[in-house]
Amino acid sequence: MWRMQTGLGTVFVSPDVIARIAGTEAQEVFGIIGMAARAPWIEGVGEWLGREPTKRGIEVWIEEGNIDLTIYVVVRYGTKISEVARNVQERVHYAIARSVGVAPRKIDVYVNGVRL
């Protein structure tokens, strides 16, 4: 849980909220076909239990006030993979900094596949 002290009290932000923001923004980047499963059997169980697809392929770690993310994606064939991954990092970084009020320390992007 990420927390921030304000003059009126404490604000707590769940890692699930951060994952949804990251997933929504990552899917908007040109060249992204979709989110990839971190481990297919884990994602399959999550979908069976009704887990939302915007959190699919996103891992969030919060330690000592720092936010680290790992994002697993599938990229469109013919796009420059390094450019797409960099765009995902920049867009997610900006969205989380704007929404949560703290910029992520690290955003790792893993390309798990390429599709037409």
Protein backbone atom coordinates (compact mmCIF):
# COMPACT_ATOMS: atom_id res chain seq x y z
CA MET A 1 0.00 0.00 0.00
CA TRP A 2 1.42 3.39 -0.96
CA ARG A 3 0.60 6.16 1.49
CA MET A 4 0.92 9.91 1.62
CA GLN A 5 0.44 12.23 4.57
CA THR A 6 -1.69 15.34 4.03
CA GLY A 7 -2.88 18.07 6.34
CA LEU A 8 -6.22 16.28 6.69
CA GLY A 9 -4.92 12.76 7.22
CA THR A 10 -3.38 9.87 5.30
CA VAL A 11 -4.14 8.80 1.73
CA PHE A 12 -3.63 5.11 0.94
CA VAL A 13 -3.33 3.88 -2.67
CA SER A 14 -3.64 0.16 -3.39
CA PRO A 15 -1.17 -1.55 -5.73
CA ASP A 16 -4.24 -2.72 -7.71
CA VAL A 17 -5.11 0.90 -8.46
CA ILE A 18 -1.58 1.58 -9.67
CA ALA A 19 -1.71 -1.59 -11.80
CA ARG A 20 -5.00 -0.51 -13.41
CA ILE A 21 -3.60 2.92 -14.25
CA ALA A 22 -0.47 1.34 -15.76
CA GLY A 23 -2.44 -1.27 -17.71
CA THR A 24 -4.88 1.24 -19.13
CA GLU A 25 -2.10 3.59 -20.24
CA ALA A 26 0.12 0.83 -21.66
CA GLN A 27 -2.70 -0.45 -23.87
CA GLU A 28 -3.08 3.02 -25.41
CA VAL A 29 0.49 3.06 -26.80
CA PHE A 30 0.75 2.59 -30.57
CA GLY A 31 2.22 -0.81 -31.35
CA ILE A 32 0.81 -2.61 -28.31
CA ILE A 33 -1.49 -5.50 -29.23
CA GLY A 34 -2.26 -6.33 -25.60
CA MET A 35 -0.97 -7.30 -22.22
CA ALA A 36 0.86 -10.61 -21.83
CA ALA A 37 0.50 -13.11 -19.03
CA ARG A 38 3.33 -13.11 -16.51
CA ALA A 39 2.75 -16.82 -15.90
CA PRO A 40 -0.10 -18.30 -17.96
CA TRP A 41 -1.44 -20.48 -15.17
CA ILE A 42 -1.57 -17.54 -12.72
CA GLU A 43 -3.33 -15.29 -15.21
CA GLY A 44 -5.75 -18.07 -16.14
CA VAL A 45 -6.78 -18.49 -12.51
CA GLY A 46 -7.09 -14.71 -12.18
CA GLU A 47 -9.40 -14.47 -15.18
CA TRP A 48 -11.45 -17.40 -13.90
CA LEU A 49 -11.90 -15.54 -10.61
CA GLY A 50 -13.05 -12.42 -12.47
CA ARG A 51 -9.81 -10.43 -12.44
CA GLU A 52 -10.00 -7.37 -14.65
CA PRO A 53 -7.91 -7.42 -17.85
CA THR A 54 -6.47 -3.94 -17.18
CA LYS A 55 -4.32 -5.45 -14.41
CA ARG A 56 -3.19 -8.36 -16.56
CA GLY A 57 0.55 -8.42 -17.10
CA ILE A 58 1.32 -5.78 -14.46
CA GLU A 59 3.33 -6.29 -11.27
CA VAL A 60 3.62 -3.48 -8.72
CA TRP A 61 6.08 -3.28 -5.83
CA ILE A 62 5.93 -0.54 -3.23
CA GLU A 63 8.91 -0.28 -0.88
CA GLU A 64 9.90 2.64 1.32
CA GLY A 65 7.75 5.08 -0.64
CA ASN A 66 9.09 3.97 -4.03
CA ILE A 67 6.95 2.43 -6.76
CA ASP A 68 8.45 -0.14 -9.13
CA LEU A 69 6.52 -1.73 -11.99
CA THR A 70 7.02 -4.63 -14.35
CA ILE A 71 4.83 -4.65 -17.46
CA TYR A 72 4.45 -7.61 -19.83
CA VAL A 73 3.21 -6.77 -23.34
CA VAL A 74 2.63 -8.16 -26.82
CA VAL A 75 3.84 -5.90 -29.64
CA ARG A 76 2.51 -5.52 -33.19
CA TYR A 77 4.75 -7.05 -35.86
CA GLY A 78 6.64 -4.43 -37.86
CA THR A 79 6.94 -1.85 -35.09
CA LYS A 80 10.26 -0.96 -33.52
CA ILE A 81 10.18 -2.88 -30.23
CA SER A 82 12.58 -0.59 -28.39
CA GLU A 83 10.54 2.47 -29.33
CA VAL A 84 7.25 0.90 -28.29
CA ALA A 85 8.73 -0.19 -24.93
CA ARG A 86 10.14 3.29 -24.32
CA ASN A 87 6.75 4.85 -25.13
CA VAL A 88 5.08 2.50 -22.65
CA GLN A 89 7.58 3.54 -19.96
CA GLU A 90 7.07 7.25 -20.61
CA ARG A 91 3.27 7.10 -20.78
CA VAL A 92 2.91 4.95 -17.65
CA HIS A 93 5.44 7.09 -15.77
CA TYR A 94 3.56 10.28 -16.57
CA ALA A 95 0.12 8.81 -15.77
CA ILE A 96 1.14 7.44 -12.37
CA ALA A 97 3.02 10.59 -11.41
CA ARG A 98 -0.05 12.65 -12.35
CA SER A 99 -2.62 10.38 -10.70
CA VAL A 100 -0.85 9.20 -7.55
CA GLY A 101 1.45 12.14 -6.94
CA VAL A 102 4.71 10.20 -6.96
CA ALA A 103 6.73 9.15 -10.01
CA PRO A 104 7.66 5.47 -10.29
CA ARG A 105 11.32 4.76 -9.59
CA LYS A 106 11.55 1.98 -12.18
CA ILE A 107 9.36 0.63 -15.00
CA ASP A 108 10.56 -2.58 -16.66
CA VAL A 109 8.84 -3.61 -19.89
CA TYR A 110 9.03 -7.22 -21.07
CA VAL A 111 7.94 -7.99 -24.61
CA ASN A 112 6.53 -11.53 -24.43
CA GLY A 113 5.39 -11.77 -28.02
CA VAL A 114 4.98 -10.23 -31.45
CA ARG A 115 1.77 -10.62 -33.46
CA LEU A 116 0.35 -9.45 -36.75
